[in-house]
Amino acid sequence: MGVELREFWGRLAVDYRAAAISRRRQVPLRIFVAVCLCLIGMALHGMPFLAPWVLVYGPVQLVELYAIRAFLDSSRPERRIGFNLLVDFAIAVVFGALAIPFWQAGTPVTSAGAILLLSGSVFTALMGAEGCLVAFLCAVAPHLAYLVITPLVVGAHRDPYLPHFILGVGLFCLTVSLTFLWSRRTLLAERAARQAAEAQTAAKSAFIAMVSHELRTPINAIVNSAATLEGASEAERSAAALIAGERLTQVPSPFVIGLLAYQAIWVVGTTFTIWFALIKAYSASKLSAFTFITPLFGVVASYFILHDALTLAFGLAAVLVILGLFLVNRPNRAV
């Protein structure tokens, strides 16, 4: 149960991250609205409730900024997600509470202003949720509740049009919910497409790195051996001419033909086919680490074919390469 709960909070933290970034971008907009309301309160002396509201809203807004920054900078964001959701709910409660005194002012303009304030807050929360269901519910639920509660609190329960207003609020809630679901589906599809594109880019980079390594290994051997051709025999020069693509002066030996067949059939045909089969089933970035084994096989082959000596330095290097492969491909621990 504890592991499942940690996985739930971990997935929620990943899902909430985009919402946290969006909400951080919306902070200047909310501060601008608060400043405009304060200026309205200073111009209209009939709104004394704005001053205490600002005294409450200001600290809550600062707490939200701290919570978002701590969440985005944390190495374990799943431990902070609960506090962030609580702050989102609190700031929605404080911001939406301003609709009640506006409605209580008793004029058609202030009543319309209260509805406009709540509706605008709902759409702002809808845009800031970024497809995160929990963030959407925490930010939108208080405003939708205020739409229903405010007429009852201000004494409009005897209004004959109140049932029609409640019905309109219900239709508004349905519209907002459907809009969120559609936007969430679109955002999830975009994220999946972006992740697939990033995975393809990583696979291409790993493939290019592997191909460049496989091409560089025989080319280095050819370049290093080119200096020995000055004192070589005619047969050796003919073999070198065949590799360089020059016109043949004699029929190549079976040994040279065998080398070309080995490169064409095994190196180019078989190993690349196996590589593409592996890259479909496993991570390309992890598979590319195994190309570091190529020099080890070359040294071991020289021991059996050319009778070169295997030194202690080679054994240490082989151990380090194997240790590096283990570190790259070890399974991740459960968070």
Protein backbone atom coordinates (compact mmCIF):
# COMPACT_ATOMS: atom_id res chain seq x y z
CA MET A 1 0.00 0.00 0.00
CA GLY A 2 2.83 2.41 0.86
CA VAL A 3 4.57 1.78 -2.49
CA GLU A 4 1.33 2.31 -4.42
CA LEU A 5 0.69 5.54 -2.53
CA ARG A 6 4.18 6.83 -3.32
CA GLU A 7 3.71 5.94 -6.97
CA PHE A 8 0.38 7.81 -6.97
CA TRP A 9 1.96 10.97 -5.53
CA GLY A 10 4.86 10.62 -7.94
CA ARG A 11 2.56 10.43 -10.97
CA LEU A 12 0.51 13.32 -9.61
CA ALA A 13 3.65 15.42 -9.17
CA VAL A 14 4.65 14.78 -12.79
CA ASP A 15 1.14 15.65 -13.97
CA TYR A 16 1.01 18.78 -11.79
CA ARG A 17 4.36 20.21 -12.90
CA ALA A 18 2.97 21.82 -16.07
CA ALA A 19 0.11 23.29 -14.01
CA ALA A 20 2.58 24.75 -11.50
CA ILE A 21 4.53 26.45 -14.30
CA SER A 22 1.30 27.83 -15.78
CA ARG A 23 0.07 29.09 -12.41
CA ARG A 24 3.39 30.84 -11.83
CA ARG A 25 2.90 32.67 -15.12
CA GLN A 26 -0.63 33.70 -14.05
CA VAL A 27 0.53 35.34 -10.81
CA PRO A 28 1.15 38.76 -12.47
CA LEU A 29 -2.37 38.64 -13.91
CA ARG A 30 -3.93 37.99 -10.50
CA ILE A 31 -1.83 40.73 -8.91
CA PHE A 32 -2.91 43.12 -11.69
CA VAL A 33 -6.59 42.31 -11.01
CA ALA A 34 -6.08 42.85 -7.28
CA VAL A 35 -4.43 46.23 -7.90
CA CYS A 36 -7.26 47.27 -10.21
CA LEU A 37 -9.81 46.31 -7.55
CA CYS A 38 -7.92 48.37 -4.99
CA LEU A 39 -7.97 51.38 -7.30
CA ILE A 40 -11.71 50.90 -7.78
CA GLY A 41 -12.16 50.78 -4.00
CA MET A 42 -10.21 54.00 -3.60
CA ALA A 43 -12.32 55.72 -6.27
CA LEU A 44 -15.62 54.39 -4.91
CA HIS A 45 -15.91 54.96 -1.19
CA GLY A 46 -18.82 52.51 -0.93
CA MET A 47 -16.52 49.45 -1.01
CA PRO A 48 -14.74 49.32 2.36
CA PHE A 49 -14.48 45.52 2.15
CA LEU A 50 -11.63 45.71 -0.39
CA ALA A 51 -9.01 46.76 2.19
CA PRO A 52 -9.39 43.72 4.51
CA TRP A 53 -9.67 41.46 1.47
CA VAL A 54 -6.31 42.69 0.16
CA LEU A 55 -4.74 42.13 3.60
CA VAL A 56 -5.82 38.48 3.39
CA TYR A 57 -5.14 37.95 -0.31
CA GLY A 58 -1.59 39.36 -0.23
CA PRO A 59 -0.08 36.82 2.22
CA VAL A 60 -1.89 33.93 0.54
CA GLN A 61 -0.47 34.99 -2.82
CA LEU A 62 3.05 35.10 -1.35
CA VAL A 63 2.56 31.62 0.08
CA GLU A 64 1.52 30.38 -3.37
CA LEU A 65 4.66 31.84 -4.94
CA TYR A 66 6.79 30.11 -2.30
CA ALA A 67 4.94 26.80 -2.75
CA ILE A 68 5.34 26.85 -6.54
CA ARG A 69 9.04 27.70 -6.38
CA ALA A 70 9.71 25.04 -3.74
CA PHE A 71 7.82 22.45 -5.79
CA LEU A 72 9.63 23.21 -9.06
CA ASP A 73 13.07 23.31 -7.41
CA SER A 74 12.58 20.23 -5.25
CA SER A 75 14.29 16.94 -6.10
CA ARG A 76 11.35 15.10 -4.48
CA PRO A 77 8.30 17.08 -5.68
CA GLU A 78 5.92 14.30 -4.66
CA ARG A 79 6.51 15.33 -1.05
CA ARG A 80 5.30 18.90 -1.73
CA ILE A 81 2.38 18.28 -4.05
CA GLY A 82 -0.15 18.08 -1.20
CA PHE A 83 0.83 21.50 0.16
CA ASN A 84 0.64 23.04 -3.32
CA LEU A 85 -2.86 21.69 -3.90
CA LEU A 86 -3.95 23.03 -0.51
CA VAL A 87 -2.56 26.48 -1.39
CA ASP A 88 -4.32 26.40 -4.77
CA PHE A 89 -7.60 25.67 -3.02
CA ALA A 90 -6.97 28.41 -0.42
CA ILE A 91 -6.21 31.11 -2.98
CA ALA A 92 -9.36 30.16 -4.92
CA VAL A 93 -11.40 30.47 -1.71
CA VAL A 94 -9.90 33.89 -0.88
CA PHE A 95 -10.14 35.27 -4.41
CA GLY A 96 -13.69 34.05 -4.97
CA ALA A 97 -14.89 35.34 -1.59
CA LEU A 98 -14.79 38.86 -3.03
CA ALA A 99 -17.92 38.03 -5.03
CA ILE A 100 -20.11 37.97 -1.89
CA PRO A 101 -19.65 41.64 -0.84
CA PHE A 102 -19.87 42.71 -4.47
CA TRP A 103 -23.26 41.02 -4.76
CA GLN A 104 -24.34 42.44 -1.43
CA ALA A 105 -23.82 45.97 -2.77
CA GLY A 106 -27.30 45.53 -4.23
CA THR A 107 -26.90 47.10 -7.66
CA PRO A 108 -27.22 45.29 -10.99
CA VAL A 109 -23.69 46.36 -11.93
CA THR A 110 -22.08 44.97 -8.78
CA SER A 111 -24.06 41.71 -9.09
CA ALA A 112 -22.88 41.36 -12.70
CA GLY A 113 -19.36 42.21 -11.53
CA ALA A 114 -19.50 39.39 -8.99
CA ILE A 115 -20.55 36.89 -11.67
CA LEU A 116 -17.87 38.26 -14.02
CA LEU A 117 -15.23 37.87 -11.31
CA LEU A 118 -16.15 34.26 -10.63
CA SER A 119 -16.51 33.31 -14.31
CA GLY A 120 -13.16 34.89 -15.18
CA SER A 121 -11.52 33.04 -12.29
CA VAL A 122 -13.00 29.77 -13.53
CA PHE A 123 -11.59 30.24 -17.03
CA THR A 124 -8.23 31.33 -15.64
CA ALA A 125 -8.09 28.15 -13.53
CA LEU A 126 -9.15 26.12 -16.57
CA MET A 127 -6.21 27.46 -18.58
CA GLY A 128 -3.79 27.08 -15.68
CA ALA A 129 -4.66 23.44 -14.99
CA GLU A 130 -2.75 22.25 -18.11
CA GLY A 131 -4.73 19.02 -18.19
CA CYS A 132 -4.10 18.13 -14.51
CA LEU A 133 -7.46 16.98 -13.09
CA VAL A 134 -6.60 17.48 -9.42
CA ALA A 135 -5.23 20.99 -10.03
CA PHE A 136 -8.38 21.83 -12.00
CA LEU A 137 -10.69 20.64 -9.22
CA CYS A 138 -8.78 22.46 -6.48
CA ALA A 139 -8.79 25.76 -8.38
CA VAL A 140 -12.27 25.64 -9.93
CA ALA A 141 -14.44 24.00 -7.25
CA PRO A 142 -14.48 27.04 -4.87
CA HIS A 143 -15.50 29.43 -7.64
CA LEU A 144 -18.30 27.17 -8.85
CA ALA A 145 -19.46 26.79 -5.25
CA TYR A 146 -19.52 30.58 -4.86
CA LEU A 147 -21.75 30.84 -7.93
CA VAL A 148 -24.37 28.76 -6.12
CA ILE A 149 -23.82 29.99 -2.55
CA THR A 150 -23.53 33.74 -3.15
CA PRO A 151 -27.20 34.38 -4.09
CA LEU A 152 -28.32 32.41 -1.03
CA VAL A 153 -25.96 34.24 1.32
CA VAL A 154 -27.05 37.71 0.16
CA GLY A 155 -30.73 36.86 0.70
CA ALA A 156 -31.84 36.10 -2.85
CA HIS A 157 -33.43 32.79 -1.90
CA ARG A 158 -36.90 34.34 -2.39
CA ASP A 159 -36.12 35.51 -5.88
CA PRO A 160 -38.48 33.72 -8.29
CA TYR A 161 -35.71 33.50 -10.89
CA LEU A 162 -33.26 31.79 -8.53
CA PRO A 163 -34.06 28.25 -9.84
CA HIS A 164 -33.37 29.43 -13.37
CA PHE A 165 -30.07 30.93 -12.20
CA ILE A 166 -29.09 27.66 -10.50
CA LEU A 167 -29.94 25.80 -13.71
CA GLY A 168 -27.73 28.21 -15.65
CA VAL A 169 -24.89 27.59 -13.17
CA GLY A 170 -25.29 23.86 -13.72
CA LEU A 171 -25.06 24.30 -17.50
CA PHE A 172 -22.00 26.49 -16.99
CA CYS A 173 -20.37 23.78 -14.85
CA LEU A 174 -21.13 21.18 -17.52
CA THR A 175 -19.61 23.38 -20.24
CA VAL A 176 -16.47 24.03 -18.18
CA SER A 177 -16.08 20.32 -17.40
CA LEU A 178 -16.42 19.29 -21.05
CA THR A 179 -13.98 22.00 -22.10
CA PHE A 180 -11.46 20.74 -19.57
CA LEU A 181 -11.84 17.13 -20.72
CA TRP A 182 -11.36 18.12 -24.36
CA SER A 183 -8.33 20.26 -23.56
CA ARG A 184 -6.89 17.50 -21.35
CA ARG A 185 -7.20 14.98 -24.17
CA THR A 186 -5.47 17.36 -26.56
CA LEU A 187 -2.66 18.16 -24.11
CA LEU A 188 -2.04 14.48 -23.35
CA ALA A 189 -1.87 13.71 -27.06
CA GLU A 190 0.63 16.55 -27.58
CA ARG A 191 2.78 15.34 -24.69
CA ALA A 192 2.75 11.77 -26.00
CA ALA A 193 3.75 13.00 -29.47
CA ARG A 194 6.53 15.14 -27.98
CA GLN A 195 7.88 12.21 -25.95
CA ALA A 196 7.79 9.96 -29.01
CA ALA A 197 9.67 12.57 -31.03
CA GLU A 198 12.28 12.94 -28.29
CA ALA A 199 12.69 9.16 -28.12
CA GLN A 200 13.16 9.00 -31.90
CA THR A 201 15.72 11.79 -31.74
CA ALA A 202 17.62 9.97 -28.99
CA ALA A 203 17.52 6.74 -31.01
CA LYS A 204 18.85 8.53 -34.10
CA SER A 205 21.65 10.12 -32.09
CA ALA A 206 22.61 6.78 -30.58
CA PHE A 207 22.53 5.11 -34.01
CA ILE A 208 24.71 7.82 -35.56
CA ALA A 209 27.16 7.52 -32.68
CA MET A 210 27.29 3.74 -33.11
CA VAL A 211 27.72 3.94 -36.89
CA SER A 212 30.46 6.56 -36.62
CA HIS A 213 32.27 4.35 -34.10
CA GLU A 214 31.93 1.26 -36.32
CA LEU A 215 33.20 3.18 -39.34
CA ARG A 216 36.02 4.89 -37.45
CA THR A 217 37.45 1.59 -36.15
CA PRO A 218 38.38 0.03 -39.56
CA ILE A 219 39.29 3.42 -41.04
CA ASN A 220 41.81 4.03 -38.27
CA ALA A 221 43.38 0.67 -39.02
CA ILE A 222 43.61 1.52 -42.74
CA VAL A 223 45.14 4.92 -42.08
CA ASN A 224 47.66 3.51 -39.62
CA SER A 225 48.67 0.79 -42.09
CA ALA A 226 49.02 3.12 -45.06
CA ALA A 227 52.54 4.13 -43.96
CA THR A 228 53.77 0.55 -44.34
CA LEU A 229 52.92 0.36 -48.05
CA GLU A 230 56.13 2.08 -49.15
CA GLY A 231 58.19 -1.04 -48.53
CA ALA A 232 55.44 -3.53 -49.31
CA SER A 233 55.45 -6.16 -52.01
CA GLU A 234 53.45 -5.99 -55.22
CA ALA A 235 50.80 -8.36 -53.85
CA GLU A 236 50.31 -6.22 -50.77
CA ARG A 237 50.04 -3.10 -52.92
CA SER A 238 47.37 -4.80 -55.02
CA ALA A 239 45.39 -5.68 -51.92
CA ALA A 240 45.64 -2.08 -50.74
CA ALA A 241 44.51 -0.84 -54.14
CA LEU A 242 41.45 -3.07 -53.91
CA ILE A 243 40.52 -1.53 -50.54
CA ALA A 244 41.09 2.01 -51.84
CA GLY A 245 38.86 1.42 -54.88
CA GLU A 246 41.62 1.59 -57.50
CA ARG A 247 41.78 -0.53 -60.63
CA LEU A 248 42.99 -4.10 -60.02
CA THR A 249 46.29 -5.19 -61.53
CA GLN A 250 45.70 -8.85 -60.67
CA VAL A 251 43.03 -11.15 -59.33
CA PRO A 252 42.70 -10.73 -55.53
CA SER A 253 43.65 -13.67 -53.39
CA PRO A 254 41.03 -15.81 -51.63
CA PHE A 255 42.11 -14.23 -48.35
CA VAL A 256 41.26 -10.72 -49.57
CA ILE A 257 37.93 -11.92 -51.00
CA GLY A 258 37.19 -13.59 -47.68
CA LEU A 259 37.87 -10.32 -45.83
CA LEU A 260 35.50 -8.43 -48.13
CA ALA A 261 32.83 -11.12 -47.72
CA TYR A 262 33.25 -10.94 -43.94
CA GLN A 263 32.76 -7.15 -43.97
CA ALA A 264 29.76 -7.33 -46.31
CA ILE A 265 27.91 -10.34 -44.88
CA TRP A 266 28.73 -10.25 -41.18
CA VAL A 267 29.64 -6.67 -40.26
CA VAL A 268 27.27 -4.79 -42.59
CA GLY A 269 24.47 -7.29 -43.08
CA THR A 270 24.14 -9.46 -39.99
CA THR A 271 25.28 -7.17 -37.15
CA PHE A 272 23.28 -4.16 -38.35
CA THR A 273 20.18 -6.35 -38.68
CA ILE A 274 20.67 -7.60 -35.13
CA TRP A 275 21.20 -4.00 -33.95
CA PHE A 276 17.92 -2.79 -35.44
CA ALA A 277 16.10 -5.76 -33.93
CA LEU A 278 17.55 -4.94 -30.49
CA ILE A 279 16.80 -1.22 -30.77
CA LYS A 280 13.10 -1.99 -31.22
CA ALA A 281 12.98 -3.89 -27.94
CA TYR A 282 15.47 -2.02 -25.73
CA SER A 283 16.61 1.53 -25.05
CA ALA A 284 18.92 2.84 -27.77
CA SER A 285 20.91 4.95 -25.31
CA LYS A 286 21.66 1.90 -23.16
CA LEU A 287 22.45 -0.35 -26.13
CA SER A 288 24.92 2.16 -27.52
CA ALA A 289 27.05 1.71 -24.38
CA PHE A 290 27.86 -1.84 -25.50
CA THR A 291 29.89 -0.45 -28.44
CA PHE A 292 32.67 0.12 -25.91
CA ILE A 293 33.20 -3.65 -25.96
CA THR A 294 34.42 -3.46 -29.59
CA PRO A 295 38.05 -2.56 -28.73
CA LEU A 296 38.14 -5.33 -26.14
CA PHE A 297 37.18 -7.94 -28.75
CA GLY A 298 39.82 -6.49 -31.06
CA VAL A 299 42.57 -6.92 -28.47
CA VAL A 300 41.41 -10.45 -27.60
CA ALA A 301 41.32 -11.36 -31.31
CA SER A 302 44.88 -10.08 -31.73
CA TYR A 303 45.92 -12.37 -28.86
CA PHE A 304 44.54 -15.46 -30.61
CA ILE A 305 45.43 -14.51 -34.21
CA LEU A 306 48.60 -12.42 -33.94
CA HIS A 307 49.74 -13.81 -30.57
CA ASP A 308 49.95 -10.36 -28.97
CA ALA A 309 50.41 -10.17 -25.22
CA LEU A 310 47.53 -9.37 -22.83
CA THR A 311 48.78 -6.96 -20.18
CA LEU A 312 47.49 -6.11 -16.73
CA ALA A 313 46.42 -2.68 -17.99
CA PHE A 314 44.14 -4.38 -20.52
CA GLY A 315 42.56 -6.49 -17.77
CA LEU A 316 41.94 -3.38 -15.65
CA ALA A 317 40.43 -1.56 -18.63
CA ALA A 318 38.14 -4.51 -19.36
CA VAL A 319 36.94 -4.55 -15.74
CA LEU A 320 36.20 -0.79 -15.88
CA VAL A 321 34.27 -1.17 -19.13
CA ILE A 322 32.17 -4.02 -17.70
CA LEU A 323 31.55 -1.97 -14.54
CA GLY A 324 30.41 0.97 -16.67
CA LEU A 325 28.00 -1.25 -18.61
CA PHE A 326 26.54 -2.50 -15.34
CA LEU A 327 26.04 1.04 -14.03
CA VAL A 328 24.34 2.15 -17.25
CA ASN A 329 22.00 -0.83 -17.48
CA ARG A 330 21.22 -1.50 -13.83
CA PRO A 331 17.49 -1.49 -13.00
CA ASN A 332 16.07 1.65 -11.39
CA ARG A 333 15.11 1.43 -7.77
CA ALA A 334 11.49 1.89 -6.82
CA VAL A 335 10.82 5.43 -5.56
